[in-house]
Amino acid sequence: SPLPITPERAKWSVAMPQPVPIVGKVMYDHMKSKGIKTIGYIGY
């Protein structure tokens, strides 16, 4: 699962899922193309 890779975790851990910034960008680009100006967020 995605996790924050802090300096303390960087030596031995790798993550298999896509990093949030890379996978998030495909949504934000789509929002921009649709003229979205305001966003609501609900999450864990």
PDB file of all heavy atoms in Angstrom:
ATOM      1  N   SER A   1       0.864  -1.174   0.000  1.00  0.00           N
ATOM      2  CA  SER A   1       0.000   0.000   0.000  1.00  0.00           C
ATOM      3  C   SER A   1       0.901   1.225   0.000  1.00  0.00           C
ATOM      4  O   SER A   1       2.076   1.144   0.380  1.00  0.00           O
ATOM      5  CB  SER A   1      -0.913   0.007   1.232  1.00  0.00           C
ATOM      6  OG  SER A   1      -0.139   0.084   2.408  1.00  0.00           O
ATOM      7  N   PRO A   2       0.377   2.374  -0.424  1.00  0.00           N
ATOM      8  CA  PRO A   2       1.196   3.593  -0.372  1.00  0.00           C
ATOM      9  C   PRO A   2       1.546   3.926   1.071  1.00  0.00           C
ATOM     10  O   PRO A   2       0.748   3.702   1.984  1.00  0.00           O
ATOM     11  CB  PRO A   2       0.286   4.660  -0.981  1.00  0.00           C
ATOM     12  CG  PRO A   2      -0.797   3.924  -1.686  1.00  0.00           C
ATOM     13  CD  PRO A   2      -0.969   2.632  -0.962  1.00  0.00           C
ATOM     14  N   LEU A   3       2.724   4.463   1.279  1.00  0.00           N
ATOM     15  CA  LEU A   3       3.126   4.893   2.615  1.00  0.00           C
ATOM     16  C   LEU A   3       4.140   6.016   2.481  1.00  0.00           C
ATOM     17  O   LEU A   3       4.844   6.095   1.466  1.00  0.00           O
ATOM     18  CB  LEU A   3       3.704   3.748   3.447  1.00  0.00           C
ATOM     19  CG  LEU A   3       5.138   3.289   3.183  1.00  0.00           C
ATOM     20  CD1 LEU A   3       5.624   2.438   4.351  1.00  0.00           C
ATOM     21  CD2 LEU A   3       5.277   2.519   1.900  1.00  0.00           C
ATOM     22  N   PRO A   4       4.220   6.890   3.479  1.00  0.00           N
ATOM     23  CA  PRO A   4       5.242   7.932   3.425  1.00  0.00           C
ATOM     24  C   PRO A   4       6.621   7.330   3.646  1.00  0.00           C
ATOM     25  O   PRO A   4       6.859   6.665   4.657  1.00  0.00           O
ATOM     26  CB  PRO A   4       4.843   8.876   4.569  1.00  0.00           C
ATOM     27  CG  PRO A   4       4.022   8.035   5.492  1.00  0.00           C
ATOM     28  CD  PRO A   4       3.335   7.008   4.647  1.00  0.00           C
ATOM     29  N   ILE A   5       7.495   7.529   2.683  1.00  0.00           N
ATOM     30  CA  ILE A   5       8.851   7.005   2.798  1.00  0.00           C
ATOM     31  C   ILE A   5       9.721   8.070   3.466  1.00  0.00           C
ATOM     32  O   ILE A   5      10.268   8.951   2.811  1.00  0.00           O
ATOM     33  CB  ILE A   5       9.433   6.609   1.428  1.00  0.00           C
ATOM     34  CG1 ILE A   5       8.520   5.589   0.735  1.00  0.00           C
ATOM     35  CG2 ILE A   5      10.834   6.055   1.594  1.00  0.00           C
ATOM     36  CD1 ILE A   5       8.531   4.214   1.354  1.00  0.00           C
ATOM     37  N   THR A   6       9.817   7.999   4.773  1.00  0.00           N
ATOM     38  CA  THR A   6      10.652   8.925   5.529  1.00  0.00           C
ATOM     39  C   THR A   6      12.108   8.462   5.456  1.00  0.00           C
ATOM     40  O   THR A   6      12.392   7.319   5.071  1.00  0.00           O
ATOM     41  CB  THR A   6      10.201   8.961   6.989  1.00  0.00           C
ATOM     42  OG1 THR A   6      10.357   7.641   7.553  1.00  0.00           O
ATOM     43  CG2 THR A   6       8.738   9.376   7.101  1.00  0.00           C
ATOM     44  N   PRO A   7      13.050   9.322   5.824  1.00  0.00           N
ATOM     45  CA  PRO A   7      14.458   8.892   5.809  1.00  0.00           C
ATOM     46  C   PRO A   7      14.698   7.628   6.628  1.00  0.00           C
ATOM     47  O   PRO A   7      15.550   6.799   6.271  1.00  0.00           O
ATOM     48  CB  PRO A   7      15.197  10.102   6.407  1.00  0.00           C
ATOM     49  CG  PRO A   7      14.330  11.269   6.049  1.00  0.00           C
ATOM     50  CD  PRO A   7      12.924  10.762   6.128  1.00  0.00           C
ATOM     51  N   GLU A   8      13.926   7.458   7.703  1.00  0.00           N
ATOM     52  CA  GLU A   8      14.102   6.269   8.554  1.00  0.00           C
ATOM     53  C   GLU A   8      13.630   4.998   7.869  1.00  0.00           C
ATOM     54  O   GLU A   8      14.024   3.898   8.263  1.00  0.00           O
ATOM     55  CB  GLU A   8      13.329   6.448   9.861  1.00  0.00           C
ATOM     56  CG  GLU A   8      13.830   7.579  10.750  1.00  0.00           C
ATOM     57  CD  GLU A   8      13.362   8.953  10.292  1.00  0.00           C
ATOM     58  OE1 GLU A   8      12.428   9.030   9.461  1.00  0.00           O
ATOM     59  OE2 GLU A   8      13.937   9.956  10.758  1.00  0.00           O
ATOM     60  N   ARG A   9      12.780   5.125   6.842  1.00  0.00           N
ATOM     61  CA  ARG A   9      12.237   3.951   6.156  1.00  0.00           C
ATOM     62  C   ARG A   9      12.818   3.758   4.763  1.00  0.00           C
ATOM     63  O   ARG A   9      12.446   2.816   4.056  1.00  0.00           O
ATOM     64  CB  ARG A   9      10.708   4.065   6.034  1.00  0.00           C
ATOM     65  CG  ARG A   9       9.989   4.222   7.356  1.00  0.00           C
ATOM     66  CD  ARG A   9       8.481   4.174   7.166  1.00  0.00           C
ATOM     67  NE  ARG A   9       7.818   4.636   8.384  1.00  0.00           N
ATOM     68  CZ  ARG A   9       7.115   5.756   8.477  1.00  0.00           C
ATOM     69  NH1 ARG A   9       6.928   6.497   7.406  1.00  0.00           N
ATOM     70  NH2 ARG A   9       6.573   6.113   9.619  1.00  0.00           N
ATOM     71  N   ALA A  10      13.700   4.628   4.344  1.00  0.00           N
ATOM     72  CA  ALA A  10      14.108   4.651   2.945  1.00  0.00           C
ATOM     73  C   ALA A  10      15.121   3.572   2.565  1.00  0.00           C
ATOM     74  O   ALA A  10      15.211   3.203   1.396  1.00  0.00           O
ATOM     75  CB  ALA A  10      14.681   6.025   2.592  1.00  0.00           C
ATOM     76  N   LYS A  11      15.855   3.057   3.528  1.00  0.00           N
ATOM     77  CA  LYS A  11      16.936   2.128   3.155  1.00  0.00           C
ATOM     78  C   LYS A  11      16.396   0.769   2.740  1.00  0.00           C
ATOM     79  O   LYS A  11      16.819   0.205   1.721  1.00  0.00           O
ATOM     80  CB  LYS A  11      17.929   1.972   4.308  1.00  0.00           C
ATOM     81  CG  LYS A  11      19.095   1.053   3.946  1.00  0.00           C
ATOM     82  CD  LYS A  11      20.167   1.035   5.039  1.00  0.00           C
ATOM     83  CE  LYS A  11      21.335   0.143   4.610  1.00  0.00           C
ATOM     84  NZ  LYS A  11      22.420   0.122   5.627  1.00  0.00           N
ATOM     85  N   TRP A  12      15.447   0.228   3.503  1.00  0.00           N
ATOM     86  CA  TRP A  12      15.042  -1.157   3.282  1.00  0.00           C
ATOM     87  C   TRP A  12      13.647  -1.313   2.693  1.00  0.00           C
ATOM     88  O   TRP A  12      13.271  -2.413   2.291  1.00  0.00           O
ATOM     89  CB  TRP A  12      15.141  -1.932   4.595  1.00  0.00           C
ATOM     90  CG  TRP A  12      16.555  -2.130   5.049  1.00  0.00           C
ATOM     91  CD1 TRP A  12      17.239  -1.394   5.968  1.00  0.00           C
ATOM     92  CD2 TRP A  12      17.479  -3.117   4.577  1.00  0.00           C
ATOM     93  NE1 TRP A  12      18.528  -1.859   6.102  1.00  0.00           N
ATOM     94  CE2 TRP A  12      18.702  -2.925   5.266  1.00  0.00           C
ATOM     95  CE3 TRP A  12      17.390  -4.155   3.638  1.00  0.00           C
ATOM     96  CZ2 TRP A  12      19.824  -3.724   5.038  1.00  0.00           C
ATOM     97  CZ3 TRP A  12      18.508  -4.955   3.423  1.00  0.00           C
ATOM     98  CH2 TRP A  12      19.704  -4.744   4.119  1.00  0.00           C
ATOM     99  N   SER A  13      12.857  -0.252   2.633  1.00  0.00           N
ATOM    100  CA  SER A  13      11.481  -0.370   2.142  1.00  0.00           C
ATOM    101  C   SER A  13      11.329   0.205   0.735  1.00  0.00           C
ATOM    102  O   SER A  13      11.875   1.272   0.429  1.00  0.00           O
ATOM    103  CB  SER A  13      10.507   0.364   3.073  1.00  0.00           C
ATOM    104  OG  SER A  13      10.389  -0.298   4.310  1.00  0.00           O
ATOM    105  N   VAL A  14      10.568  -0.512  -0.083  1.00  0.00           N
ATOM    106  CA  VAL A  14      10.071   0.018  -1.349  1.00  0.00           C
ATOM    107  C   VAL A  14       8.562  -0.207  -1.361  1.00  0.00           C
ATOM    108  O   VAL A  14       8.039  -1.028  -0.602  1.00  0.00           O
ATOM    109  CB  VAL A  14      10.719  -0.651  -2.578  1.00  0.00           C
ATOM    110  CG1 VAL A  14      12.216  -0.397  -2.615  1.00  0.00           C
ATOM    111  CG2 VAL A  14      10.433  -2.160  -2.614  1.00  0.00           C
ATOM    112  N   ALA A  15       7.854   0.535  -2.208  1.00  0.00           N
ATOM    113  CA  ALA A  15       6.395   0.424  -2.270  1.00  0.00           C
ATOM    114  C   ALA A  15       5.970  -0.010  -3.663  1.00  0.00           C
ATOM    115  O   ALA A  15       6.454   0.514  -4.665  1.00  0.00           O
ATOM    116  CB  ALA A  15       5.743   1.758  -1.915  1.00  0.00           C
ATOM    117  N   MET A  16       5.065  -0.978  -3.716  1.00  0.00           N
ATOM    118  CA  MET A  16       4.582  -1.475  -4.996  1.00  0.00           C
ATOM    119  C   MET A  16       3.486  -0.603  -5.611  1.00  0.00           C
ATOM    120  O   MET A  16       3.445  -0.448  -6.835  1.00  0.00           O
ATOM    121  CB  MET A  16       4.082  -2.918  -4.845  1.00  0.00           C
ATOM    122  CG  MET A  16       5.124  -3.898  -4.351  1.00  0.00           C
ATOM    123  SD  MET A  16       6.708  -3.765  -5.243  1.00  0.00           S
ATOM    124  CE  MET A  16       6.206  -4.155  -6.921  1.00  0.00           C
ATOM    125  N   PRO A  17       2.541  -0.037  -4.842  1.00  0.00           N
ATOM    126  CA  PRO A  17       1.516   0.801  -5.466  1.00  0.00           C
ATOM    127  C   PRO A  17       2.101   2.091  -6.042  1.00  0.00           C
ATOM    128  O   PRO A  17       3.207   2.504  -5.690  1.00  0.00           O
ATOM    129  CB  PRO A  17       0.562   1.112  -4.307  1.00  0.00           C
ATOM    130  CG  PRO A  17       0.841   0.082  -3.285  1.00  0.00           C
ATOM    131  CD  PRO A  17       2.296  -0.230  -3.419  1.00  0.00           C
ATOM    132  N   GLN A  18       1.331   2.713  -6.886  1.00  0.00           N
ATOM    133  CA  GLN A  18       1.748   3.973  -7.470  1.00  0.00           C
ATOM    134  C   GLN A  18       1.843   5.044  -6.388  1.00  0.00           C
ATOM    135  O   GLN A  18       1.002   5.111  -5.498  1.00  0.00           O
ATOM    136  CB  GLN A  18       0.734   4.425  -8.532  1.00  0.00           C
ATOM    137  CG  GLN A  18       0.528   3.442  -9.658  1.00  0.00           C
ATOM    138  CD  GLN A  18      -0.465   2.342  -9.329  1.00  0.00           C
ATOM    139  OE1 GLN A  18      -0.868   2.162  -8.173  1.00  0.00           O
ATOM    140  NE2 GLN A  18      -0.872   1.590 -10.331  1.00  0.00           N
ATOM    141  N   PRO A  19       2.851   5.910  -6.451  1.00  0.00           N
ATOM    142  CA  PRO A  19       2.936   6.994  -5.470  1.00  0.00           C
ATOM    143  C   PRO A  19       1.779   7.961  -5.667  1.00  0.00           C
ATOM    144  O   PRO A  19       1.346   8.231  -6.793  1.00  0.00           O
ATOM    145  CB  PRO A  19       4.283   7.655  -5.775  1.00  0.00           C
ATOM    146  CG  PRO A  19       4.573   7.298  -7.192  1.00  0.00           C
ATOM    147  CD  PRO A  19       3.973   5.939  -7.408  1.00  0.00           C
ATOM    148  N   VAL A  20       1.281   8.478  -4.583  1.00  0.00           N
ATOM    149  CA  VAL A  20       0.114   9.357  -4.630  1.00  0.00           C
ATOM    150  C   VAL A  20       0.307  10.543  -5.577  1.00  0.00           C
ATOM    151  O   VAL A  20      -0.592  10.844  -6.376  1.00  0.00           O
ATOM    152  CB  VAL A  20      -0.246   9.815  -3.200  1.00  0.00           C
ATOM    153  CG1 VAL A  20      -1.235  10.968  -3.219  1.00  0.00           C
ATOM    154  CG2 VAL A  20      -0.815   8.630  -2.405  1.00  0.00           C
ATOM    155  N   PRO A  21       1.444  11.254  -5.572  1.00  0.00           N
ATOM    156  CA  PRO A  21       1.568  12.406  -6.481  1.00  0.00           C
ATOM    157  C   PRO A  21       1.461  12.042  -7.960  1.00  0.00           C
ATOM    158  O   PRO A  21       0.882  12.803  -8.745  1.00  0.00           O
ATOM    159  CB  PRO A  21       2.953  12.968  -6.154  1.00  0.00           C
ATOM    160  CG  PRO A  21       3.209  12.547  -4.744  1.00  0.00           C
ATOM    161  CD  PRO A  21       2.592  11.180  -4.644  1.00  0.00           C
ATOM    162  N   ILE A  22       1.993  10.889  -8.352  1.00  0.00           N
ATOM    163  CA  ILE A  22       1.941  10.503  -9.767  1.00  0.00           C
ATOM    164  C   ILE A  22       0.530  10.113 -10.176  1.00  0.00           C
ATOM    165  O   ILE A  22       0.008  10.548 -11.208  1.00  0.00           O
ATOM    166  CB  ILE A  22       2.939   9.360 -10.048  1.00  0.00           C
ATOM    167  CG1 ILE A  22       4.363   9.911 -10.080  1.00  0.00           C
ATOM    168  CG2 ILE A  22       2.621   8.676 -11.382  1.00  0.00           C
ATOM    169  CD1 ILE A  22       5.427   8.865 -10.354  1.00  0.00           C
ATOM    170  N   VAL A  23      -0.117   9.281  -9.373  1.00  0.00           N
ATOM    171  CA  VAL A  23      -1.459   8.848  -9.741  1.00  0.00           C
ATOM    172  C   VAL A  23      -2.473   9.966  -9.525  1.00  0.00           C
ATOM    173  O   VAL A  23      -3.481  10.057 -10.237  1.00  0.00           O
ATOM    174  CB  VAL A  23      -1.841   7.566  -8.978  1.00  0.00           C
ATOM    175  CG1 VAL A  23      -2.228   7.840  -7.552  1.00  0.00           C
ATOM    176  CG2 VAL A  23      -2.943   6.807  -9.686  1.00  0.00           C
ATOM    177  N   GLY A  24      -2.206  10.860  -8.563  1.00  0.00           N
ATOM    178  CA  GLY A  24      -3.106  11.985  -8.350  1.00  0.00           C
ATOM    179  C   GLY A  24      -3.114  12.943  -9.525  1.00  0.00           C
ATOM    180  O   GLY A  24      -4.162  13.489  -9.892  1.00  0.00           O
ATOM    181  N   LYS A  25      -1.963  13.133 -10.147  1.00  0.00           N
ATOM    182  CA  LYS A  25      -1.836  14.107 -11.229  1.00  0.00           C
ATOM    183  C   LYS A  25      -2.779  13.806 -12.388  1.00  0.00           C
ATOM    184  O   LYS A  25      -3.290  14.734 -13.037  1.00  0.00           O
ATOM    185  CB  LYS A  25      -0.391  14.119 -11.726  1.00  0.00           C
ATOM    186  CG  LYS A  25      -0.066  15.191 -12.765  1.00  0.00           C
ATOM    187  CD  LYS A  25      -0.150  16.582 -12.177  1.00  0.00           C
ATOM    188  CE  LYS A  25       0.592  17.623 -13.019  1.00  0.00           C
ATOM    189  NZ  LYS A  25       0.232  17.654 -14.423  1.00  0.00           N
ATOM    190  N   VAL A  26      -3.047  12.532 -12.664  1.00  0.00           N
ATOM    191  CA  VAL A  26      -3.933  12.210 -13.783  1.00  0.00           C
ATOM    192  C   VAL A  26      -5.349  12.691 -13.486  1.00  0.00           C
ATOM    193  O   VAL A  26      -6.084  13.081 -14.408  1.00  0.00           O
ATOM    194  CB  VAL A  26      -3.898  10.691 -14.091  1.00  0.00           C
ATOM    195  CG1 VAL A  26      -4.663   9.868 -13.051  1.00  0.00           C
ATOM    196  CG2 VAL A  26      -4.465  10.406 -15.483  1.00  0.00           C
ATOM    197  N   MET A  27      -5.753  12.704 -12.220  1.00  0.00           N
ATOM    198  CA  MET A  27      -7.074  13.221 -11.861  1.00  0.00           C
ATOM    199  C   MET A  27      -7.101  14.746 -11.895  1.00  0.00           C
ATOM    200  O   MET A  27      -8.063  15.359 -12.381  1.00  0.00           O
ATOM    201  CB  MET A  27      -7.484  12.714 -10.477  1.00  0.00           C
ATOM    202  CG  MET A  27      -7.690  11.217 -10.389  1.00  0.00           C
ATOM    203  SD  MET A  27      -8.417  10.706  -8.810  1.00  0.00           S
ATOM    204  CE  MET A  27      -7.063  11.052  -7.695  1.00  0.00           C
ATOM    205  N   TYR A  28      -6.050  15.369 -11.379  1.00  0.00           N
ATOM    206  CA  TYR A  28      -6.033  16.826 -11.328  1.00  0.00           C
ATOM    207  C   TYR A  28      -5.966  17.427 -12.731  1.00  0.00           C
ATOM    208  O   TYR A  28      -6.588  18.466 -12.990  1.00  0.00           O
ATOM    209  CB  TYR A  28      -4.864  17.323 -10.480  1.00  0.00           C
ATOM    210  CG  TYR A  28      -4.733  16.631  -9.146  1.00  0.00           C
ATOM    211  CD1 TYR A  28      -3.496  16.326  -8.597  1.00  0.00           C
ATOM    212  CD2 TYR A  28      -5.868  16.242  -8.421  1.00  0.00           C
ATOM    213  CE1 TYR A  28      -3.373  15.688  -7.381  1.00  0.00           C
ATOM    214  CE2 TYR A  28      -5.763  15.593  -7.201  1.00  0.00           C
ATOM    215  CZ  TYR A  28      -4.503  15.308  -6.697  1.00  0.00           C
ATOM    216  OH  TYR A  28      -4.382  14.659  -5.482  1.00  0.00           O
ATOM    217  N   ASP A  29      -5.239  16.772 -13.626  1.00  0.00           N
ATOM    218  CA  ASP A  29      -5.211  17.233 -15.014  1.00  0.00           C
ATOM    219  C   ASP A  29      -6.602  17.138 -15.634  1.00  0.00           C
ATOM    220  O   ASP A  29      -7.013  18.019 -16.408  1.00  0.00           O
ATOM    221  CB  ASP A  29      -4.216  16.409 -15.834  1.00  0.00           C
ATOM    222  CG  ASP A  29      -2.768  16.773 -15.549  1.00  0.00           C
ATOM    223  OD1 ASP A  29      -2.516  17.865 -14.987  1.00  0.00           O
ATOM    224  OD2 ASP A  29      -1.879  15.963 -15.875  1.00  0.00           O
ATOM    225  N   HIS A  30      -7.308  16.058 -15.310  1.00  0.00           N
ATOM    226  CA  HIS A  30      -8.665  15.902 -15.831  1.00  0.00           C
ATOM    227  C   HIS A  30      -9.578  16.981 -15.255  1.00  0.00           C
ATOM    228  O   HIS A  30     -10.407  17.564 -15.974  1.00  0.00           O
ATOM    229  CB  HIS A  30      -9.199  14.509 -15.500  1.00  0.00           C
ATOM    230  CG  HIS A  30     -10.507  14.194 -16.149  1.00  0.00           C
ATOM    231  ND1 HIS A  30     -11.719  14.477 -15.556  1.00  0.00           N
ATOM    232  CD2 HIS A  30     -10.799  13.641 -17.365  1.00  0.00           C
ATOM    233  CE1 HIS A  30     -12.701  14.101 -16.356  1.00  0.00           C
ATOM    234  NE2 HIS A  30     -12.174  13.593 -17.456  1.00  0.00           N
ATOM    235  N   MET A  31      -9.451  17.257 -13.946  1.00  0.00           N
ATOM    236  CA  MET A  31     -10.234  18.339 -13.337  1.00  0.00           C
ATOM    237  C   MET A  31      -9.992  19.653 -14.071  1.00  0.00           C
ATOM    238  O   MET A  31     -10.934  20.393 -14.397  1.00  0.00           O
ATOM    239  CB  MET A  31      -9.858  18.493 -11.864  1.00  0.00           C
ATOM    240  CG  MET A  31     -10.271  17.358 -10.951  1.00  0.00           C
ATOM    241  SD  MET A  31      -9.722  17.684  -9.241  1.00  0.00           S
ATOM    242  CE  MET A  31     -10.162  16.136  -8.436  1.00  0.00           C
ATOM    243  N   LYS A  32      -8.733  19.956 -14.336  1.00  0.00           N
ATOM    244  CA  LYS A  32      -8.382  21.204 -15.009  1.00  0.00           C
ATOM    245  C   LYS A  32      -9.025  21.273 -16.387  1.00  0.00           C
ATOM    246  O   LYS A  32      -9.553  22.324 -16.788  1.00  0.00           O
ATOM    247  CB  LYS A  32      -6.862  21.291 -15.135  1.00  0.00           C
ATOM    248  CG  LYS A  32      -6.349  22.608 -15.702  1.00  0.00           C
ATOM    249  CD  LYS A  32      -6.485  23.731 -14.712  1.00  0.00           C
ATOM    250  CE  LYS A  32      -5.819  24.999 -15.234  1.00  0.00           C
ATOM    251  NZ  LYS A  32      -5.998  26.141 -14.302  1.00  0.00           N
ATOM    252  N   SER A  33      -9.011  20.145 -17.100  1.00  0.00           N
ATOM    253  CA  SER A  33      -9.584  20.130 -18.455  1.00  0.00           C
ATOM    254  C   SER A  33     -11.092  20.332 -18.438  1.00  0.00           C
ATOM    255  O   SER A  33     -11.680  20.764 -19.440  1.00  0.00           O
ATOM    256  CB  SER A  33      -9.249  18.810 -19.153  1.00  0.00           C
ATOM    257  OG  SER A  33     -10.012  17.729 -18.619  1.00  0.00           O
ATOM    258  N   LYS A  34     -11.726  20.027 -17.315  1.00  0.00           N
ATOM    259  CA  LYS A  34     -13.178  20.175 -17.196  1.00  0.00           C
ATOM    260  C   LYS A  34     -13.571  21.510 -16.556  1.00  0.00           C
ATOM    261  O   LYS A  34     -14.746  21.735 -16.256  1.00  0.00           O
ATOM    262  CB  LYS A  34     -13.755  19.022 -16.370  1.00  0.00           C
ATOM    263  CG  LYS A  34     -13.546  17.650 -17.006  1.00  0.00           C
ATOM    264  CD  LYS A  34     -14.190  17.551 -18.383  1.00  0.00           C
ATOM    265  CE  LYS A  34     -13.990  16.179 -18.997  1.00  0.00           C
ATOM    266  NZ  LYS A  34     -14.579  16.076 -20.350  1.00  0.00           N
ATOM    267  N   GLY A  35     -12.601  22.368 -16.320  1.00  0.00           N
ATOM    268  CA  GLY A  35     -12.906  23.684 -15.777  1.00  0.00           C
ATOM    269  C   GLY A  35     -13.204  23.703 -14.286  1.00  0.00           C
ATOM    270  O   GLY A  35     -13.817  24.653 -13.780  1.00  0.00           O
ATOM    271  N   ILE A  36     -12.781  22.695 -13.556  1.00  0.00           N
ATOM    272  CA  ILE A  36     -13.012  22.631 -12.112  1.00  0.00           C
ATOM    273  C   ILE A  36     -12.216  23.732 -11.409  1.00  0.00           C
ATOM    274  O   ILE A  36     -11.025  23.914 -11.669  1.00  0.00           O
ATOM    275  CB  ILE A  36     -12.609  21.250 -11.555  1.00  0.00           C
ATOM    276  CG1 ILE A  36     -13.435  20.138 -12.211  1.00  0.00           C
ATOM    277  CG2 ILE A  36     -12.726  21.217 -10.039  1.00  0.00           C
ATOM    278  CD1 ILE A  36     -14.911  20.251 -11.986  1.00  0.00           C
ATOM    279  N   LYS A  37     -12.873  24.448 -10.518  1.00  0.00           N
ATOM    280  CA  LYS A  37     -12.206  25.488  -9.742  1.00  0.00           C
ATOM    281  C   LYS A  37     -12.190  25.186  -8.242  1.00  0.00           C
ATOM    282  O   LYS A  37     -11.275  25.594  -7.530  1.00  0.00           O
ATOM    283  CB  LYS A  37     -12.908  26.834  -9.971  1.00  0.00           C
ATOM    284  CG  LYS A  37     -12.764  27.380 -11.384  1.00  0.00           C
ATOM    285  CD  LYS A  37     -11.317  27.719 -11.701  1.00  0.00           C
ATOM    286  CE  LYS A  37     -11.173  28.358 -13.071  1.00  0.00           C
ATOM    287  NZ  LYS A  37      -9.749  28.665 -13.394  1.00  0.00           N
ATOM    288  N   THR A  38     -13.235  24.508  -7.756  1.00  0.00           N
ATOM    289  CA  THR A  38     -13.329  24.219  -6.319  1.00  0.00           C
ATOM    290  C   THR A  38     -13.492  22.716  -6.107  1.00  0.00           C
ATOM    291  O   THR A  38     -14.193  22.032  -6.864  1.00  0.00           O
ATOM    292  CB  THR A  38     -14.508  24.961  -5.678  1.00  0.00           C
ATOM    293  OG1 THR A  38     -15.722  24.626  -6.367  1.00  0.00           O
ATOM    294  CG2 THR A  38     -14.286  26.458  -5.746  1.00  0.00           C
ATOM    295  N   ILE A  39     -12.851  22.208  -5.042  1.00  0.00           N
ATOM    296  CA  ILE A  39     -12.805  20.770  -4.782  1.00  0.00           C
ATOM    297  C   ILE A  39     -13.188  20.513  -3.333  1.00  0.00           C
ATOM    298  O   ILE A  39     -12.735  21.211  -2.415  1.00  0.00           O
ATOM    299  CB  ILE A  39     -11.389  20.209  -5.033  1.00  0.00           C
ATOM    300  CG1 ILE A  39     -10.926  20.528  -6.457  1.00  0.00           C
ATOM    301  CG2 ILE A  39     -11.342  18.701  -4.768  1.00  0.00           C
ATOM    302  CD1 ILE A  39      -9.443  20.325  -6.664  1.00  0.00           C
ATOM    303  N   GLY A  40     -14.030  19.521  -3.109  1.00  0.00           N
ATOM    304  CA  GLY A  40     -14.307  19.020  -1.773  1.00  0.00           C
ATOM    305  C   GLY A  40     -13.557  17.721  -1.572  1.00  0.00           C
ATOM    306  O   GLY A  40     -13.309  16.979  -2.525  1.00  0.00           O
ATOM    307  N   TYR A  41     -13.179  17.448  -0.348  1.00  0.00           N
ATOM    308  CA  TYR A  41     -12.424  16.221  -0.050  1.00  0.00           C
ATOM    309  C   TYR A  41     -13.063  15.476   1.105  1.00  0.00           C
ATOM    310  O   TYR A  41     -13.407  16.066   2.137  1.00  0.00           O
ATOM    311  CB  TYR A  41     -10.976  16.559   0.315  1.00  0.00           C
ATOM    312  CG  TYR A  41     -10.164  15.338   0.705  1.00  0.00           C
ATOM    313  CD1 TYR A  41      -9.651  14.491  -0.262  1.00  0.00           C
ATOM    314  CD2 TYR A  41      -9.932  15.024   2.047  1.00  0.00           C
ATOM    315  CE1 TYR A  41      -8.917  13.362   0.097  1.00  0.00           C
ATOM    316  CE2 TYR A  41      -9.206  13.905   2.413  1.00  0.00           C
ATOM    317  CZ  TYR A  41      -8.704  13.068   1.423  1.00  0.00           C
ATOM    318  OH  TYR A  41      -7.992  11.948   1.772  1.00  0.00           O
ATOM    319  N   ILE A  42     -13.220  14.155   0.948  1.00  0.00           N
ATOM    320  CA  ILE A  42     -13.596  13.281   2.046  1.00  0.00           C
ATOM    321  C   ILE A  42     -12.698  12.055   1.977  1.00  0.00           C
ATOM    322  O   ILE A  42     -12.571  11.412   0.923  1.00  0.00           O
ATOM    323  CB  ILE A  42     -15.097  12.895   2.013  1.00  0.00           C
ATOM    324  CG1 ILE A  42     -15.423  11.966   3.186  1.00  0.00           C
ATOM    325  CG2 ILE A  42     -15.512  12.300   0.666  1.00  0.00           C
ATOM    326  CD1 ILE A  42     -16.923  11.754   3.397  1.00  0.00           C
ATOM    327  N   GLY A  43     -12.057  11.752   3.098  1.00  0.00           N
ATOM    328  CA  GLY A  43     -11.122  10.638   3.105  1.00  0.00           C
ATOM    329  C   GLY A  43     -11.021  10.008   4.478  1.00  0.00           C
ATOM    330  O   GLY A  43     -11.610  10.479   5.457  1.00  0.00           O
ATOM    331  N   TYR A  44     -10.259   8.925   4.537  1.00  0.00           N
ATOM    332  CA  TYR A  44     -10.058   8.226   5.803  1.00  0.00           C
ATOM    333  C   TYR A  44      -9.402   9.155   6.831  1.00  0.00           C
ATOM    334  O   TYR A  44      -8.567  10.004   6.494  1.00  0.00           O
ATOM    335  CB  TYR A  44      -9.154   7.025   5.609  1.00  0.00           C
ATOM    336  CG  TYR A  44      -9.795   5.842   4.928  1.00  0.00           C
ATOM    337  CD1 TYR A  44      -9.040   5.007   4.100  1.00  0.00           C
ATOM    338  CD2 TYR A  44     -11.140   5.518   5.113  1.00  0.00           C
ATOM    339  CE1 TYR A  44      -9.591   3.902   3.492  1.00  0.00           C
ATOM    340  CE2 TYR A  44     -11.702   4.419   4.497  1.00  0.00           C
ATOM    341  CZ  TYR A  44     -10.930   3.614   3.683  1.00  0.00           C
ATOM    342  OH  TYR A  44     -11.478   2.521   3.071  1.00  0.00           O
TER     343      TYR A  44
END
